[in-house]
Amino acid sequence: MKVDVELIREVLLKVEEMPFDGAFHDIGVEGRSPTEIAYHVMILHEAGFVEAMDLGLSWKPIRLTYRGHQFLDAARNDSIWEKAKTAVVERTGALTFEGLKVALPMVVKNLISEHFE
């Protein structure tokens, strides 16, 4: 299965909406299968963006980590998200999660710098 950065963003947004009660939760994303979602929850867990429970072939999120909150805070804004995606593709020729992890803070920093010029 391929990593889908759009689904990563959607999963993070869904996890953010969950109650903080220490339990794992089911999340759904329209047009996505439970297997696709579970795979991306697993990837986000491995990357340190969410805490999740491994239930065999089904991974369930528990909460966002600090790192996950930081990424999502930058990725939440559609304009910033699109600028970061464009920058990654223009400079690398591919849209990768690793590239977005680098590009999002840079886009935010550039927008802030422009404000103070």
PDB file of N, CA and C in Angstrom:
ATOM      1  N   MET A   1       0.849  -1.181   0.000  1.00  0.00           N
ATOM      2  CA  MET A   1       0.000   0.000   0.000  1.00  0.00           C
ATOM      3  C   MET A   1       0.892   1.240   0.000  1.00  0.00           C
ATOM      4  N   LYS A   2       0.524   2.235  -0.763  1.00  0.00           N
ATOM      5  CA  LYS A   2       1.284   3.478  -0.830  1.00  0.00           C
ATOM      6  C   LYS A   2       0.827   4.446   0.255  1.00  0.00           C
ATOM      7  N   VAL A   3       1.753   5.272   0.705  1.00  0.00           N
ATOM      8  CA  VAL A   3       1.429   6.332   1.654  1.00  0.00           C
ATOM      9  C   VAL A   3       0.765   7.467   0.886  1.00  0.00           C
ATOM     10  N   ASP A   4      -0.365   7.901   1.374  1.00  0.00           N
ATOM     11  CA  ASP A   4      -1.144   8.968   0.757  1.00  0.00           C
ATOM     12  C   ASP A   4      -1.127  10.164   1.708  1.00  0.00           C
ATOM     13  N   VAL A   5      -0.434  11.233   1.325  1.00  0.00           N
ATOM     14  CA  VAL A   5      -0.289  12.379   2.224  1.00  0.00           C
ATOM     15  C   VAL A   5      -1.620  13.062   2.511  1.00  0.00           C
ATOM     16  N   GLU A   6      -2.546  13.010   1.575  1.00  0.00           N
ATOM     17  CA  GLU A   6      -3.866  13.593   1.829  1.00  0.00           C
ATOM     18  C   GLU A   6      -4.594  12.806   2.910  1.00  0.00           C
ATOM     19  N   LEU A   7      -4.467  11.485   2.870  1.00  0.00           N
ATOM     20  CA  LEU A   7      -5.095  10.659   3.901  1.00  0.00           C
ATOM     21  C   LEU A   7      -4.397  10.860   5.245  1.00  0.00           C
ATOM     22  N   ILE A   8      -3.097  11.050   5.232  1.00  0.00           N
ATOM     23  CA  ILE A   8      -2.378  11.351   6.476  1.00  0.00           C
ATOM     24  C   ILE A   8      -2.962  12.591   7.130  1.00  0.00           C
ATOM     25  N   ARG A   9      -3.158  13.617   6.346  1.00  0.00           N
ATOM     26  CA  ARG A   9      -3.725  14.865   6.873  1.00  0.00           C
ATOM     27  C   ARG A   9      -5.132  14.626   7.418  1.00  0.00           C
ATOM     28  N   GLU A  10      -5.955  13.899   6.673  1.00  0.00           N
ATOM     29  CA  GLU A  10      -7.326  13.616   7.111  1.00  0.00           C
ATOM     30  C   GLU A  10      -7.345  12.807   8.408  1.00  0.00           C
ATOM     31  N   VAL A  11      -6.478  11.810   8.508  1.00  0.00           N
ATOM     32  CA  VAL A  11      -6.412  10.993   9.724  1.00  0.00           C
ATOM     33  C   VAL A  11      -6.018  11.862  10.914  1.00  0.00           C
ATOM     34  N   LEU A  12      -5.027  12.717  10.741  1.00  0.00           N
ATOM     35  CA  LEU A  12      -4.614  13.594  11.836  1.00  0.00           C
ATOM     36  C   LEU A  12      -5.748  14.507  12.275  1.00  0.00           C
ATOM     37  N   LEU A  13      -6.495  15.047  11.331  1.00  0.00           N
ATOM     38  CA  LEU A  13      -7.637  15.899  11.667  1.00  0.00           C
ATOM     39  C   LEU A  13      -8.697  15.115  12.441  1.00  0.00           C
ATOM     40  N   LYS A  14      -8.946  13.871  12.044  1.00  0.00           N
ATOM     41  CA  LYS A  14      -9.928  13.030  12.736  1.00  0.00           C
ATOM     42  C   LYS A  14      -9.461  12.680  14.149  1.00  0.00           C
ATOM     43  N   VAL A  15      -8.176  12.371  14.288  1.00  0.00           N
ATOM     44  CA  VAL A  15      -7.644  12.021  15.608  1.00  0.00           C
ATOM     45  C   VAL A  15      -7.735  13.230  16.535  1.00  0.00           C
ATOM     46  N   GLU A  16      -7.494  14.401  16.009  1.00  0.00           N
ATOM     47  CA  GLU A  16      -7.584  15.612  16.818  1.00  0.00           C
ATOM     48  C   GLU A  16      -8.994  15.800  17.390  1.00  0.00           C
ATOM     49  N   GLU A  17     -10.011  15.378  16.649  1.00  0.00           N
ATOM     50  CA  GLU A  17     -11.404  15.525  17.083  1.00  0.00           C
ATOM     51  C   GLU A  17     -11.802  14.528  18.167  1.00  0.00           C
ATOM     52  N   MET A  18     -11.019  13.471  18.352  1.00  0.00           N
ATOM     53  CA  MET A  18     -11.374  12.414  19.301  1.00  0.00           C
ATOM     54  C   MET A  18     -11.279  12.917  20.741  1.00  0.00           C
ATOM     55  N   PRO A  19     -12.085  12.328  21.630  1.00  0.00           N
ATOM     56  CA  PRO A  19     -11.938  12.688  23.045  1.00  0.00           C
ATOM     57  C   PRO A  19     -10.624  12.151  23.599  1.00  0.00           C
ATOM     58  N   PHE A  20     -10.075  12.843  24.566  1.00  0.00           N
ATOM     59  CA  PHE A  20      -8.860  12.370  25.228  1.00  0.00           C
ATOM     60  C   PHE A  20      -9.295  11.572  26.449  1.00  0.00           C
ATOM     61  N   ASP A  21      -9.406  10.262  26.265  1.00  0.00           N
ATOM     62  CA  ASP A  21      -9.865   9.398  27.344  1.00  0.00           C
ATOM     63  C   ASP A  21      -8.991   8.169  27.525  1.00  0.00           C
ATOM     64  N   GLY A  22      -7.856   8.108  26.820  1.00  0.00           N
ATOM     65  CA  GLY A  22      -6.939   6.995  26.960  1.00  0.00           C
ATOM     66  C   GLY A  22      -7.327   5.747  26.192  1.00  0.00           C
ATOM     67  N   ALA A  23      -8.481   5.780  25.537  1.00  0.00           N
ATOM     68  CA  ALA A  23      -8.957   4.622  24.776  1.00  0.00           C
ATOM     69  C   ALA A  23      -8.636   4.799  23.299  1.00  0.00           C
ATOM     70  N   PHE A  24      -8.615   3.685  22.575  1.00  0.00           N
ATOM     71  CA  PHE A  24      -8.479   3.792  21.122  1.00  0.00           C
ATOM     72  C   PHE A  24      -9.862   3.982  20.520  1.00  0.00           C
ATOM     73  N   HIS A  25      -9.881   4.581  19.334  1.00  0.00           N
ATOM     74  CA  HIS A  25     -11.154   4.926  18.699  1.00  0.00           C
ATOM     75  C   HIS A  25     -11.149   4.522  17.237  1.00  0.00           C
ATOM     76  N   ASP A  26     -12.336   4.258  16.720  1.00  0.00           N
ATOM     77  CA  ASP A  26     -12.526   4.062  15.285  1.00  0.00           C
ATOM     78  C   ASP A  26     -12.659   5.425  14.645  1.00  0.00           C
ATOM     79  N   ILE A  27     -12.020   5.592  13.510  1.00  0.00           N
ATOM     80  CA  ILE A  27     -12.212   6.818  12.739  1.00  0.00           C
ATOM     81  C   ILE A  27     -12.573   6.416  11.319  1.00  0.00           C
ATOM     82  N   GLY A  28     -13.316   7.266  10.674  1.00  0.00           N
ATOM     83  CA  GLY A  28     -13.677   7.026   9.289  1.00  0.00           C
ATOM     84  C   GLY A  28     -13.344   8.240   8.449  1.00  0.00           C
ATOM     85  N   VAL A  29     -12.960   7.991   7.224  1.00  0.00           N
ATOM     86  CA  VAL A  29     -12.703   9.059   6.258  1.00  0.00           C
ATOM     87  C   VAL A  29     -13.487   8.693   5.014  1.00  0.00           C
ATOM     88  N   GLU A  30     -14.345   9.595   4.595  1.00  0.00           N
ATOM     89  CA  GLU A  30     -15.211   9.326   3.455  1.00  0.00           C
ATOM     90  C   GLU A  30     -14.400   8.890   2.234  1.00  0.00           C
ATOM     91  N   GLY A  31     -14.853   7.792   1.625  1.00  0.00           N
ATOM     92  CA  GLY A  31     -14.206   7.290   0.422  1.00  0.00           C
ATOM     93  C   GLY A  31     -12.967   6.446   0.679  1.00  0.00           C
ATOM     94  N   ARG A  32     -12.657   6.186   1.938  1.00  0.00           N
ATOM     95  CA  ARG A  32     -11.461   5.407   2.289  1.00  0.00           C
ATOM     96  C   ARG A  32     -11.877   4.156   3.046  1.00  0.00           C
ATOM     97  N   SER A  33     -11.185   3.057   2.775  1.00  0.00           N
ATOM     98  CA  SER A  33     -11.507   1.793   3.432  1.00  0.00           C
ATOM     99  C   SER A  33     -10.894   1.759   4.831  1.00  0.00           C
ATOM    100  N   PRO A  34     -11.457   0.931   5.711  1.00  0.00           N
ATOM    101  CA  PRO A  34     -10.850   0.755   7.035  1.00  0.00           C
ATOM    102  C   PRO A  34      -9.393   0.274   6.955  1.00  0.00           C
ATOM    103  N   THR A  35      -9.072  -0.517   5.943  1.00  0.00           N
ATOM    104  CA  THR A  35      -7.693  -0.996   5.780  1.00  0.00           C
ATOM    105  C   THR A  35      -6.759   0.156   5.445  1.00  0.00           C
ATOM    106  N   GLU A  36      -7.175   1.041   4.540  1.00  0.00           N
ATOM    107  CA  GLU A  36      -6.351   2.214   4.194  1.00  0.00           C
ATOM    108  C   GLU A  36      -6.121   3.082   5.427  1.00  0.00           C
ATOM    109  N   ILE A  37      -7.183   3.301   6.188  1.00  0.00           N
ATOM    110  CA  ILE A  37      -7.073   4.141   7.383  1.00  0.00           C
ATOM    111  C   ILE A  37      -6.145   3.487   8.397  1.00  0.00           C
ATOM    112  N   ALA A  38      -6.323   2.201   8.649  1.00  0.00           N
ATOM    113  CA  ALA A  38      -5.480   1.490   9.617  1.00  0.00           C
ATOM    114  C   ALA A  38      -4.013   1.560   9.220  1.00  0.00           C
ATOM    115  N   TYR A  39      -3.729   1.399   7.932  1.00  0.00           N
ATOM    116  CA  TYR A  39      -2.347   1.454   7.458  1.00  0.00           C
ATOM    117  C   TYR A  39      -1.736   2.830   7.740  1.00  0.00           C
ATOM    118  N   HIS A  40      -2.504   3.876   7.484  1.00  0.00           N
ATOM    119  CA  HIS A  40      -1.984   5.220   7.692  1.00  0.00           C
ATOM    120  C   HIS A  40      -1.871   5.558   9.177  1.00  0.00           C
ATOM    121  N   VAL A  41      -2.758   5.028  10.010  1.00  0.00           N
ATOM    122  CA  VAL A  41      -2.613   5.182  11.460  1.00  0.00           C
ATOM    123  C   VAL A  41      -1.308   4.519  11.904  1.00  0.00           C
ATOM    124  N   MET A  42      -1.018   3.336  11.366  1.00  0.00           N
ATOM    125  CA  MET A  42       0.228   2.634  11.691  1.00  0.00           C
ATOM    126  C   MET A  42       1.444   3.475  11.286  1.00  0.00           C
ATOM    127  N   ILE A  43       1.414   4.020  10.074  1.00  0.00           N
ATOM    128  CA  ILE A  43       2.518   4.866   9.593  1.00  0.00           C
ATOM    129  C   ILE A  43       2.699   6.078  10.500  1.00  0.00           C
ATOM    130  N   LEU A  44       1.598   6.720  10.870  1.00  0.00           N
ATOM    131  CA  LEU A  44       1.675   7.884  11.747  1.00  0.00           C
ATOM    132  C   LEU A  44       2.192   7.512  13.135  1.00  0.00           C
ATOM    133  N   HIS A  45       1.850   6.329  13.600  1.00  0.00           N
ATOM    134  CA  HIS A  45       2.375   5.838  14.875  1.00  0.00           C
ATOM    135  C   HIS A  45       3.893   5.634  14.767  1.00  0.00           C
ATOM    136  N   GLU A  46       4.328   4.988  13.706  1.00  0.00           N
ATOM    137  CA  GLU A  46       5.757   4.758  13.497  1.00  0.00           C
ATOM    138  C   GLU A  46       6.532   6.066  13.390  1.00  0.00           C
ATOM    139  N   ALA A  47       5.913   7.098  12.816  1.00  0.00           N
ATOM    140  CA  ALA A  47       6.556   8.395  12.647  1.00  0.00           C
ATOM    141  C   ALA A  47       6.523   9.236  13.925  1.00  0.00           C
ATOM    142  N   GLY A  48       5.787   8.763  14.932  1.00  0.00           N
ATOM    143  CA  GLY A  48       5.709   9.506  16.186  1.00  0.00           C
ATOM    144  C   GLY A  48       4.672  10.605  16.193  1.00  0.00           C
ATOM    145  N   PHE A  49       3.707  10.560  15.279  1.00  0.00           N
ATOM    146  CA  PHE A  49       2.687  11.601  15.190  1.00  0.00           C
ATOM    147  C   PHE A  49       1.421  11.251  15.956  1.00  0.00           C
ATOM    148  N   VAL A  50       1.172   9.969  16.158  1.00  0.00           N
ATOM    149  CA  VAL A  50       0.036   9.523  16.966  1.00  0.00           C
ATOM    150  C   VAL A  50       0.470   8.358  17.849  1.00  0.00           C
ATOM    151  N   GLU A  51      -0.217   8.231  18.972  1.00  0.00           N
ATOM    152  CA  GLU A  51      -0.146   6.995  19.726  1.00  0.00           C
ATOM    153  C   GLU A  51      -1.299   6.153  19.218  1.00  0.00           C
ATOM    154  N   ALA A  52      -1.036   4.880  18.980  1.00  0.00           N
ATOM    155  CA  ALA A  52      -2.062   4.004  18.424  1.00  0.00           C
ATOM    156  C   ALA A  52      -1.920   2.610  18.996  1.00  0.00           C
ATOM    157  N   MET A  53      -2.984   1.853  18.874  1.00  0.00           N
ATOM    158  CA  MET A  53      -3.028   0.479  19.363  1.00  0.00           C
ATOM    159  C   MET A  53      -2.986  -0.468  18.170  1.00  0.00           C
ATOM    160  N   ASP A  54      -2.072  -1.431  18.237  1.00  0.00           N
ATOM    161  CA  ASP A  54      -1.954  -2.456  17.208  1.00  0.00           C
ATOM    162  C   ASP A  54      -2.901  -3.596  17.564  1.00  0.00           C
ATOM    163  N   LEU A  55      -3.937  -3.761  16.767  1.00  0.00           N
ATOM    164  CA  LEU A  55      -4.918  -4.819  16.983  1.00  0.00           C
ATOM    165  C   LEU A  55      -4.805  -5.864  15.880  1.00  0.00           C
ATOM    166  N   GLY A  56      -3.588  -6.177  15.508  1.00  0.00           N
ATOM    167  CA  GLY A  56      -3.364  -7.119  14.406  1.00  0.00           C
ATOM    168  C   GLY A  56      -3.308  -6.358  13.101  1.00  0.00           C
ATOM    169  N   LEU A  57      -4.253  -6.590  12.236  1.00  0.00           N
ATOM    170  CA  LEU A  57      -4.291  -5.863  10.966  1.00  0.00           C
ATOM    171  C   LEU A  57      -5.013  -4.529  11.075  1.00  0.00           C
ATOM    172  N   SER A  58      -5.504  -4.219  12.240  1.00  0.00           N
ATOM    173  CA  SER A  58      -6.242  -2.977  12.439  1.00  0.00           C
ATOM    174  C   SER A  58      -5.546  -2.127  13.494  1.00  0.00           C
ATOM    175  N   TRP A  59      -5.086  -0.971  13.098  1.00  0.00           N
ATOM    176  CA  TRP A  59      -4.479  -0.010  14.011  1.00  0.00           C
ATOM    177  C   TRP A  59      -5.527   1.041  14.358  1.00  0.00           C
ATOM    178  N   LYS A  60      -5.657   1.349  15.636  1.00  0.00           N
ATOM    179  CA  LYS A  60      -6.635   2.336  16.107  1.00  0.00           C
ATOM    180  C   LYS A  60      -5.898   3.453  16.843  1.00  0.00           C
ATOM    181  N   PRO A  61      -6.219   4.707  16.523  1.00  0.00           N
ATOM    182  CA  PRO A  61      -5.549   5.830  17.179  1.00  0.00           C
ATOM    183  C   PRO A  61      -6.054   6.059  18.601  1.00  0.00           C
ATOM    184  N   ILE A  62      -5.139   6.543  19.434  1.00  0.00           N
ATOM    185  CA  ILE A  62      -5.468   6.903  20.816  1.00  0.00           C
ATOM    186  C   ILE A  62      -5.423   8.418  20.982  1.00  0.00           C
ATOM    187  N   ARG A  63      -4.349   9.033  20.480  1.00  0.00           N
ATOM    188  CA  ARG A  63      -4.212  10.492  20.604  1.00  0.00           C
ATOM    189  C   ARG A  63      -3.114  10.992  19.678  1.00  0.00           C
ATOM    190  N   LEU A  64      -3.114  12.297  19.439  1.00  0.00           N
ATOM    191  CA  LEU A  64      -2.004  12.948  18.747  1.00  0.00           C
ATOM    192  C   LEU A  64      -0.860  13.133  19.738  1.00  0.00           C
ATOM    193  N   THR A  65       0.352  13.023  19.268  1.00  0.00           N
ATOM    194  CA  THR A  65       1.516  13.365  20.077  1.00  0.00           C
ATOM    195  C   THR A  65       1.808  14.856  19.874  1.00  0.00           C
ATOM    196  N   TYR A  66       2.752  15.375  20.631  1.00  0.00           N
ATOM    197  CA  TYR A  66       3.170  16.764  20.444  1.00  0.00           C
ATOM    198  C   TYR A  66       3.618  16.986  18.993  1.00  0.00           C
ATOM    199  N   ARG A  67       4.405  16.042  18.493  1.00  0.00           N
ATOM    200  CA  ARG A  67       4.897  16.118  17.107  1.00  0.00           C
ATOM    201  C   ARG A  67       3.729  16.136  16.117  1.00  0.00           C
ATOM    202  N   GLY A  68       2.715  15.336  16.382  1.00  0.00           N
ATOM    203  CA  GLY A  68       1.533  15.309  15.530  1.00  0.00           C
ATOM    204  C   GLY A  68       0.777  16.624  15.558  1.00  0.00           C
ATOM    205  N   HIS A  69       0.659  17.213  16.745  1.00  0.00           N
ATOM    206  CA  HIS A  69       0.001  18.521  16.864  1.00  0.00           C
ATOM    207  C   HIS A  69       0.762  19.585  16.083  1.00  0.00           C
ATOM    208  N   GLN A  70       2.099  19.568  16.195  1.00  0.00           N
ATOM    209  CA  GLN A  70       2.916  20.557  15.495  1.00  0.00           C
ATOM    210  C   GLN A  70       2.739  20.447  13.980  1.00  0.00           C
ATOM    211  N   PHE A  71       2.782  19.227  13.459  1.00  0.00           N
ATOM    212  CA  PHE A  71       2.591  19.011  12.027  1.00  0.00           C
ATOM    213  C   PHE A  71       1.207  19.474  11.603  1.00  0.00           C
ATOM    214  N   LEU A  72       0.197  19.067  12.354  1.00  0.00           N
ATOM    215  CA  LEU A  72      -1.177  19.404  11.983  1.00  0.00           C
ATOM    216  C   LEU A  72      -1.439  20.896  12.066  1.00  0.00           C
ATOM    217  N   ASP A  73      -0.845  21.569  13.034  1.00  0.00           N
ATOM    218  CA  ASP A  73      -1.030  23.016  13.130  1.00  0.00           C
ATOM    219  C   ASP A  73      -0.567  23.712  11.851  1.00  0.00           C
ATOM    220  N   ALA A  74       0.511  23.219  11.258  1.00  0.00           N
ATOM    221  CA  ALA A  74       0.994  23.780   9.989  1.00  0.00           C
ATOM    222  C   ALA A  74       0.164  23.292   8.812  1.00  0.00           C
ATOM    223  N   ALA A  75      -0.278  22.043   8.843  1.00  0.00           N
ATOM    224  CA  ALA A  75      -0.978  21.432   7.705  1.00  0.00           C
ATOM    225  C   ALA A  75      -2.462  21.776   7.644  1.00  0.00           C
ATOM    226  N   ARG A  76      -3.014  22.286   8.710  1.00  0.00           N
ATOM    227  CA  ARG A  76      -4.455  22.544   8.801  1.00  0.00           C
ATOM    228  C   ARG A  76      -4.944  23.559   7.759  1.00  0.00           C
ATOM    229  N   ASN A  77      -4.177  24.605   7.567  1.00  0.00           N
ATOM    230  CA  ASN A  77      -4.554  25.666   6.640  1.00  0.00           C
ATOM    231  C   ASN A  77      -4.386  25.181   5.204  1.00  0.00           C
ATOM    232  N   ASP A  78      -5.475  25.247   4.415  1.00  0.00           N
ATOM    233  CA  ASP A  78      -5.436  24.737   3.039  1.00  0.00           C
ATOM    234  C   ASP A  78      -4.395  25.443   2.177  1.00  0.00           C
ATOM    235  N   SER A  79      -4.256  26.745   2.348  1.00  0.00           N
ATOM    236  CA  SER A  79      -3.300  27.509   1.551  1.00  0.00           C
ATOM    237  C   SER A  79      -1.858  27.085   1.864  1.00  0.00           C
ATOM    238  N   ILE A  80      -1.543  26.951   3.138  1.00  0.00           N
ATOM    239  CA  ILE A  80      -0.203  26.519   3.544  1.00  0.00           C
ATOM    240  C   ILE A  80       0.050  25.096   3.065  1.00  0.00           C
ATOM    241  N   TRP A  81      -0.936  24.233   3.203  1.00  0.00           N
ATOM    242  CA  TRP A  81      -0.823  22.839   2.766  1.00  0.00           C
ATOM    243  C   TRP A  81      -0.505  22.778   1.278  1.00  0.00           C
ATOM    244  N   GLU A  82      -1.234  23.541   0.470  1.00  0.00           N
ATOM    245  CA  GLU A  82      -1.017  23.526  -0.985  1.00  0.00           C
ATOM    246  C   GLU A  82       0.350  24.091  -1.354  1.00  0.00           C
ATOM    247  N   LYS A  83       0.764  25.169  -0.684  1.00  0.00           N
ATOM    248  CA  LYS A  83       2.087  25.741  -0.958  1.00  0.00           C
ATOM    249  C   LYS A  83       3.192  24.746  -0.629  1.00  0.00           C
ATOM    250  N   ALA A  84       3.057  24.056   0.484  1.00  0.00           N
ATOM    251  CA  ALA A  84       4.069  23.078   0.880  1.00  0.00           C
ATOM    252  C   ALA A  84       4.112  21.917  -0.111  1.00  0.00           C
ATOM    253  N   LYS A  85       2.949  21.417  -0.523  1.00  0.00           N
ATOM    254  CA  LYS A  85       2.913  20.326  -1.498  1.00  0.00           C
ATOM    255  C   LYS A  85       3.566  20.747  -2.807  1.00  0.00           C
ATOM    256  N   THR A  86       3.247  21.941  -3.269  1.00  0.00           N
ATOM    257  CA  THR A  86       3.829  22.448  -4.510  1.00  0.00           C
ATOM    258  C   THR A  86       5.343  22.567  -4.388  1.00  0.00           C
ATOM    259  N   ALA A  87       5.819  23.090  -3.272  1.00  0.00           N
ATOM    260  CA  ALA A  87       7.260  23.252  -3.065  1.00  0.00           C
ATOM    261  C   ALA A  87       7.970  21.900  -3.075  1.00  0.00           C
ATOM    262  N   VAL A  88       7.388  20.917  -2.436  1.00  0.00           N
ATOM    263  CA  VAL A  88       8.015  19.589  -2.378  1.00  0.00           C
ATOM    264  C   VAL A  88       8.095  18.986  -3.776  1.00  0.00           C
ATOM    265  N   VAL A  89       6.999  19.038  -4.513  1.00  0.00           N
ATOM    266  CA  VAL A  89       6.983  18.451  -5.858  1.00  0.00           C
ATOM    267  C   VAL A  89       7.940  19.181  -6.787  1.00  0.00           C
ATOM    268  N   GLU A  90       7.962  20.522  -6.727  1.00  0.00           N
ATOM    269  CA  GLU A  90       8.845  21.300  -7.601  1.00  0.00           C
ATOM    270  C   GLU A  90      10.315  21.003  -7.335  1.00  0.00           C
ATOM    271  N   ARG A  91      10.651  20.775  -6.078  1.00  0.00           N
ATOM    272  CA  ARG A  91      12.063  20.596  -5.729  1.00  0.00           C
ATOM    273  C   ARG A  91      12.530  19.151  -5.746  1.00  0.00           C
ATOM    274  N   THR A  92      11.597  18.217  -5.613  1.00  0.00           N
ATOM    275  CA  THR A  92      12.004  16.812  -5.548  1.00  0.00           C
ATOM    276  C   THR A  92      11.416  15.954  -6.662  1.00  0.00           C
ATOM    277  N   GLY A  93      10.354  16.431  -7.285  1.00  0.00           N
ATOM    278  CA  GLY A  93       9.693  15.649  -8.321  1.00  0.00           C
ATOM    279  C   GLY A  93       8.709  14.630  -7.793  1.00  0.00           C
ATOM    280  N   ALA A  94       8.565  14.578  -6.475  1.00  0.00           N
ATOM    281  CA  ALA A  94       7.626  13.637  -5.868  1.00  0.00           C
ATOM    282  C   ALA A  94       7.041  14.264  -4.601  1.00  0.00           C
ATOM    283  N   LEU A  95       5.830  13.856  -4.274  1.00  0.00           N
ATOM    284  CA  LEU A  95       5.188  14.342  -3.063  1.00  0.00           C
ATOM    285  C   LEU A  95       5.358  13.290  -1.975  1.00  0.00           C
ATOM    286  N   THR A  96       6.192  13.607  -0.984  1.00  0.00           N
ATOM    287  CA  THR A  96       6.477  12.651   0.080  1.00  0.00           C
ATOM    288  C   THR A  96       6.125  13.231   1.441  1.00  0.00           C
ATOM    289  N   PHE A  97       5.828  12.344   2.369  1.00  0.00           N
ATOM    290  CA  PHE A  97       5.552  12.732   3.752  1.00  0.00           C
ATOM    291  C   PHE A  97       6.777  13.401   4.363  1.00  0.00           C
ATOM    292  N   GLU A  98       7.953  12.839   4.121  1.00  0.00           N
ATOM    293  CA  GLU A  98       9.196  13.420   4.648  1.00  0.00           C
ATOM    294  C   GLU A  98       9.408  14.833   4.111  1.00  0.00           C
ATOM    295  N   GLY A  99       9.126  15.016   2.831  1.00  0.00           N
ATOM    296  CA  GLY A  99       9.257  16.343   2.241  1.00  0.00           C
ATOM    297  C   GLY A  99       8.307  17.343   2.869  1.00  0.00           C
ATOM    298  N   LEU A 100       7.093  16.924   3.130  1.00  0.00           N
ATOM    299  CA  LEU A 100       6.112  17.810   3.762  1.00  0.00           C
ATOM    300  C   LEU A 100       6.501  18.153   5.195  1.00  0.00           C
ATOM    301  N   LYS A 101       7.115  17.205   5.898  1.00  0.00           N
ATOM    302  CA  LYS A 101       7.558  17.473   7.264  1.00  0.00           C
ATOM    303  C   LYS A 101       8.596  18.582   7.286  1.00  0.00           C
ATOM    304  N   VAL A 102       9.378  18.695   6.218  1.00  0.00           N
ATOM    305  CA  VAL A 102      10.380  19.756   6.114  1.00  0.00           C
ATOM    306  C   VAL A 102       9.751  21.049   5.568  1.00  0.00           C
ATOM    307  N   ALA A 103       8.918  20.911   4.548  1.00  0.00           N
ATOM    308  CA  ALA A 103       8.389  22.079   3.842  1.00  0.00           C
ATOM    309  C   ALA A 103       7.360  22.877   4.643  1.00  0.00           C
ATOM    310  N   LEU A 104       6.495  22.207   5.384  1.00  0.00           N
ATOM    311  CA  LEU A 104       5.443  22.930   6.105  1.00  0.00           C
ATOM    312  C   LEU A 104       5.993  23.990   7.052  1.00  0.00           C
ATOM    313  N   PRO A 105       6.956  23.670   7.925  1.00  0.00           N
ATOM    314  CA  PRO A 105       7.486  24.716   8.798  1.00  0.00           C
ATOM    315  C   PRO A 105       8.173  25.846   8.019  1.00  0.00           C
ATOM    316  N   MET A 106       8.786  25.510   6.894  1.00  0.00           N
ATOM    317  CA  MET A 106       9.450  26.541   6.090  1.00  0.00           C
ATOM    318  C   MET A 106       8.433  27.491   5.470  1.00  0.00           C
ATOM    319  N   VAL A 107       7.322  26.958   4.995  1.00  0.00           N
ATOM    320  CA  VAL A 107       6.266  27.803   4.422  1.00  0.00           C
ATOM    321  C   VAL A 107       5.715  28.734   5.502  1.00  0.00           C
ATOM    322  N   VAL A 108       5.453  28.193   6.683  1.00  0.00           N
ATOM    323  CA  VAL A 108       4.950  29.011   7.788  1.00  0.00           C
ATOM    324  C   VAL A 108       5.963  30.095   8.138  1.00  0.00           C
ATOM    325  N   LYS A 109       7.222  29.720   8.238  1.00  0.00           N
ATOM    326  CA  LYS A 109       8.277  30.694   8.572  1.00  0.00           C
ATOM    327  C   LYS A 109       8.339  31.803   7.520  1.00  0.00           C
ATOM    328  N   ASN A 110       8.256  31.438   6.239  1.00  0.00           N
ATOM    329  CA  ASN A 110       8.296  32.431   5.163  1.00  0.00           C
ATOM    330  C   ASN A 110       7.090  33.376   5.238  1.00  0.00           C
ATOM    331  N   LEU A 111       5.923  32.847   5.528  1.00  0.00           N
ATOM    332  CA  LEU A 111       4.739  33.683   5.646  1.00  0.00           C
ATOM    333  C   LEU A 111       4.868  34.660   6.807  1.00  0.00           C
ATOM    334  N   ILE A 112       5.432  34.196   7.898  1.00  0.00           N
ATOM    335  CA  ILE A 112       5.631  35.078   9.054  1.00  0.00           C
ATOM    336  C   ILE A 112       6.672  36.150   8.718  1.00  0.00           C
ATOM    337  N   SER A 113       7.768  35.751   8.071  1.00  0.00           N
ATOM    338  CA  SER A 113       8.818  36.707   7.692  1.00  0.00           C
ATOM    339  C   SER A 113       8.269  37.779   6.769  1.00  0.00           C
ATOM    340  N   GLU A 114       7.437  37.384   5.806  1.00  0.00           N
ATOM    341  CA  GLU A 114       6.842  38.347   4.864  1.00  0.00           C
ATOM    342  C   GLU A 114       5.978  39.367   5.610  1.00  0.00           C
ATOM    343  N   HIS A 115       5.337  38.940   6.659  1.00  0.00           N
ATOM    344  CA  HIS A 115       4.464  39.820   7.435  1.00  0.00           C
ATOM    345  C   HIS A 115       5.244  40.950   8.101  1.00  0.00           C
ATOM    346  N   PHE A 116       6.492  40.671   8.478  1.00  0.00           N
ATOM    347  CA  PHE A 116       7.291  41.648   9.206  1.00  0.00           C
ATOM    348  C   PHE A 116       8.215  42.473   8.315  1.00  0.00           C
ATOM    349  N   GLU A 117       8.146  42.274   7.017  1.00  0.00           N
ATOM    350  CA  GLU A 117       9.003  43.060   6.108  1.00  0.00           C
ATOM    351  C   GLU A 117       8.379  44.381   5.789  1.00  0.00           C
TER     352      GLU A 117
END
